[in-house]
Protein backbone atom coordinates (compact mmCIF):
# COMPACT_ATOMS: atom_id res chain seq x y z
CA UNK A 1 0.00 0.00 0.00
CA UNK A 2 1.07 3.53 -0.65
CA UNK A 3 -0.08 6.62 1.20
CA UNK A 4 0.15 10.28 0.22
CA UNK A 5 3.33 12.11 1.19
CA UNK A 6 2.92 13.71 4.57
CA UNK A 7 0.62 11.04 5.99
CA UNK A 8 1.31 11.03 9.73
CA UNK A 9 3.60 8.16 10.79
CA UNK A 10 1.10 7.06 13.45
CA UNK A 11 -1.53 6.59 10.73
CA UNK A 12 0.90 4.71 8.46
CA UNK A 13 1.82 2.39 11.34
CA UNK A 14 -1.81 1.78 12.27
CA UNK A 15 -2.84 1.04 8.69
CA UNK A 16 0.21 -1.19 8.18
CA UNK A 17 -0.82 -3.22 11.22
CA UNK A 18 -4.38 -3.56 9.96
CA UNK A 19 -3.21 -4.59 6.49
CA UNK A 20 -0.83 -7.17 7.93
CA UNK A 21 -3.68 -8.57 10.04
CA UNK A 22 -5.98 -8.75 7.03
CA UNK A 23 -3.34 -10.56 4.97
CA UNK A 24 -3.23 -13.32 7.56
CA UNK A 25 -6.98 -14.11 7.41
CA UNK A 26 -8.06 -17.34 5.69
CA UNK A 27 -10.26 -15.44 3.23
CA UNK A 28 -7.44 -13.21 2.02
CA UNK A 29 -4.89 -16.03 2.04
CA UNK A 30 -7.25 -18.00 -0.26
CA UNK A 31 -8.07 -15.02 -2.50
CA UNK A 32 -4.58 -14.02 -3.59
CA UNK A 33 -3.48 -17.31 -5.19
CA UNK A 34 -6.74 -17.44 -7.18
CA UNK A 35 -5.84 -14.03 -8.61
CA UNK A 36 -2.21 -15.03 -9.27
CA UNK A 37 -1.02 -12.55 -6.63
CA UNK A 38 1.54 -13.01 -3.91
CA UNK A 39 0.99 -10.68 -0.95
CA UNK A 40 3.96 -9.63 1.11
CA UNK A 41 3.36 -8.35 4.61
CA UNK A 42 6.27 -6.01 5.20
CA UNK A 43 7.02 -2.76 6.95
CA UNK A 44 6.96 0.66 5.29
CA UNK A 45 10.77 0.70 5.42
CA UNK A 46 10.98 -2.71 3.72
CA UNK A 47 8.57 -1.58 1.00
CA UNK A 48 10.64 1.56 0.43
CA UNK A 49 13.82 -0.50 0.09
CA UNK A 50 12.15 -2.97 -2.31
CA UNK A 51 10.72 -0.16 -4.44
CA UNK A 52 14.12 1.54 -4.67
CA UNK A 53 15.82 -1.77 -5.60
CA UNK A 54 13.20 -2.58 -8.24
CA UNK A 55 13.41 0.92 -9.72
CA UNK A 56 17.18 0.63 -10.04
CA UNK A 57 16.90 -2.89 -11.48
CA UNK A 58 14.35 -1.99 -14.16
CA UNK A 59 16.13 1.25 -15.00
CA UNK A 60 19.20 -0.86 -15.87
CA UNK A 61 17.06 -3.20 -17.99
CA UNK A 62 15.46 -0.27 -19.81
CA UNK A 63 18.85 1.33 -20.52
CA UNK A 64 20.43 -1.96 -21.60
CA UNK A 65 17.54 -2.70 -23.98
CA UNK A 66 17.49 0.90 -25.19
CA UNK A 67 13.73 1.09 -24.55
CA UNK A 68 12.20 4.42 -25.50
CA UNK A 69 8.78 5.94 -24.85
CA UNK A 70 6.87 6.32 -28.09
C-alpha atoms as a PDB file:
ATOM      1  CA  UNK A   1       0.000   0.000   0.000  1.00  0.00           C
ATOM      2  CA  UNK A   2       1.074   3.530  -0.647  1.00  0.00           C
ATOM      3  CA  UNK A   3      -0.084   6.618   1.199  1.00  0.00           C
ATOM      4  CA  UNK A   4       0.151  10.275   0.221  1.00  0.00           C
ATOM      5  CA  UNK A   5       3.331  12.107   1.187  1.00  0.00           C
ATOM      6  CA  UNK A   6       2.917  13.707   4.567  1.00  0.00           C
ATOM      7  CA  UNK A   7       0.616  11.036   5.989  1.00  0.00           C
ATOM      8  CA  UNK A   8       1.306  11.026   9.732  1.00  0.00           C
ATOM      9  CA  UNK A   9       3.596   8.163  10.789  1.00  0.00           C
ATOM     10  CA  UNK A  10       1.103   7.058  13.446  1.00  0.00           C
ATOM     11  CA  UNK A  11      -1.534   6.587  10.730  1.00  0.00           C
ATOM     12  CA  UNK A  12       0.896   4.715   8.459  1.00  0.00           C
ATOM     13  CA  UNK A  13       1.824   2.391  11.336  1.00  0.00           C
ATOM     14  CA  UNK A  14      -1.813   1.785  12.267  1.00  0.00           C
ATOM     15  CA  UNK A  15      -2.840   1.035   8.685  1.00  0.00           C
ATOM     16  CA  UNK A  16       0.209  -1.187   8.183  1.00  0.00           C
ATOM     17  CA  UNK A  17      -0.818  -3.224  11.218  1.00  0.00           C
ATOM     18  CA  UNK A  18      -4.382  -3.558   9.960  1.00  0.00           C
ATOM     19  CA  UNK A  19      -3.209  -4.592   6.488  1.00  0.00           C
ATOM     20  CA  UNK A  20      -0.830  -7.171   7.932  1.00  0.00           C
ATOM     21  CA  UNK A  21      -3.680  -8.571  10.045  1.00  0.00           C
ATOM     22  CA  UNK A  22      -5.978  -8.749   7.025  1.00  0.00           C
ATOM     23  CA  UNK A  23      -3.337 -10.561   4.972  1.00  0.00           C
ATOM     24  CA  UNK A  24      -3.233 -13.323   7.555  1.00  0.00           C
ATOM     25  CA  UNK A  25      -6.981 -14.106   7.411  1.00  0.00           C
ATOM     26  CA  UNK A  26      -8.059 -17.338   5.694  1.00  0.00           C
ATOM     27  CA  UNK A  27     -10.260 -15.443   3.233  1.00  0.00           C
ATOM     28  CA  UNK A  28      -7.441 -13.210   2.018  1.00  0.00           C
ATOM     29  CA  UNK A  29      -4.892 -16.028   2.036  1.00  0.00           C
ATOM     30  CA  UNK A  30      -7.246 -17.998  -0.263  1.00  0.00           C
ATOM     31  CA  UNK A  31      -8.073 -15.025  -2.500  1.00  0.00           C
ATOM     32  CA  UNK A  32      -4.577 -14.021  -3.591  1.00  0.00           C
ATOM     33  CA  UNK A  33      -3.479 -17.308  -5.191  1.00  0.00           C
ATOM     34  CA  UNK A  34      -6.743 -17.438  -7.182  1.00  0.00           C
ATOM     35  CA  UNK A  35      -5.845 -14.026  -8.606  1.00  0.00           C
ATOM     36  CA  UNK A  36      -2.209 -15.027  -9.266  1.00  0.00           C
ATOM     37  CA  UNK A  37      -1.019 -12.554  -6.630  1.00  0.00           C
ATOM     38  CA  UNK A  38       1.539 -13.009  -3.907  1.00  0.00           C
ATOM     39  CA  UNK A  39       0.988 -10.682  -0.954  1.00  0.00           C
ATOM     40  CA  UNK A  40       3.962  -9.628   1.111  1.00  0.00           C
ATOM     41  CA  UNK A  41       3.362  -8.350   4.614  1.00  0.00           C
ATOM     42  CA  UNK A  42       6.270  -6.012   5.204  1.00  0.00           C
ATOM     43  CA  UNK A  43       7.022  -2.763   6.952  1.00  0.00           C
ATOM     44  CA  UNK A  44       6.964   0.660   5.292  1.00  0.00           C
ATOM     45  CA  UNK A  45      10.772   0.696   5.418  1.00  0.00           C
ATOM     46  CA  UNK A  46      10.985  -2.713   3.719  1.00  0.00           C
ATOM     47  CA  UNK A  47       8.574  -1.580   0.998  1.00  0.00           C
ATOM     48  CA  UNK A  48      10.637   1.560   0.434  1.00  0.00           C
ATOM     49  CA  UNK A  49      13.815  -0.495   0.087  1.00  0.00           C
ATOM     50  CA  UNK A  50      12.148  -2.969  -2.306  1.00  0.00           C
ATOM     51  CA  UNK A  51      10.718  -0.157  -4.436  1.00  0.00           C
ATOM     52  CA  UNK A  52      14.119   1.535  -4.669  1.00  0.00           C
ATOM     53  CA  UNK A  53      15.819  -1.774  -5.597  1.00  0.00           C
ATOM     54  CA  UNK A  54      13.205  -2.582  -8.237  1.00  0.00           C
ATOM     55  CA  UNK A  55      13.408   0.920  -9.716  1.00  0.00           C
ATOM     56  CA  UNK A  56      17.183   0.628 -10.044  1.00  0.00           C
ATOM     57  CA  UNK A  57      16.905  -2.893 -11.480  1.00  0.00           C
ATOM     58  CA  UNK A  58      14.355  -1.992 -14.156  1.00  0.00           C
ATOM     59  CA  UNK A  59      16.132   1.254 -15.005  1.00  0.00           C
ATOM     60  CA  UNK A  60      19.204  -0.857 -15.869  1.00  0.00           C
ATOM     61  CA  UNK A  61      17.063  -3.199 -17.986  1.00  0.00           C
ATOM     62  CA  UNK A  62      15.462  -0.268 -19.812  1.00  0.00           C
ATOM     63  CA  UNK A  63      18.851   1.332 -20.524  1.00  0.00           C
ATOM     64  CA  UNK A  64      20.433  -1.961 -21.605  1.00  0.00           C
ATOM     65  CA  UNK A  65      17.536  -2.702 -23.983  1.00  0.00           C
ATOM     66  CA  UNK A  66      17.487   0.903 -25.189  1.00  0.00           C
ATOM     67  CA  UNK A  67      13.732   1.086 -24.548  1.00  0.00           C
ATOM     68  CA  UNK A  68      12.196   4.422 -25.496  1.00  0.00           C
ATOM     69  CA  UNK A  69       8.777   5.939 -24.851  1.00  0.00           C
ATOM     70  CA  UNK A  70       6.866   6.320 -28.089  1.00  0.00           C
END
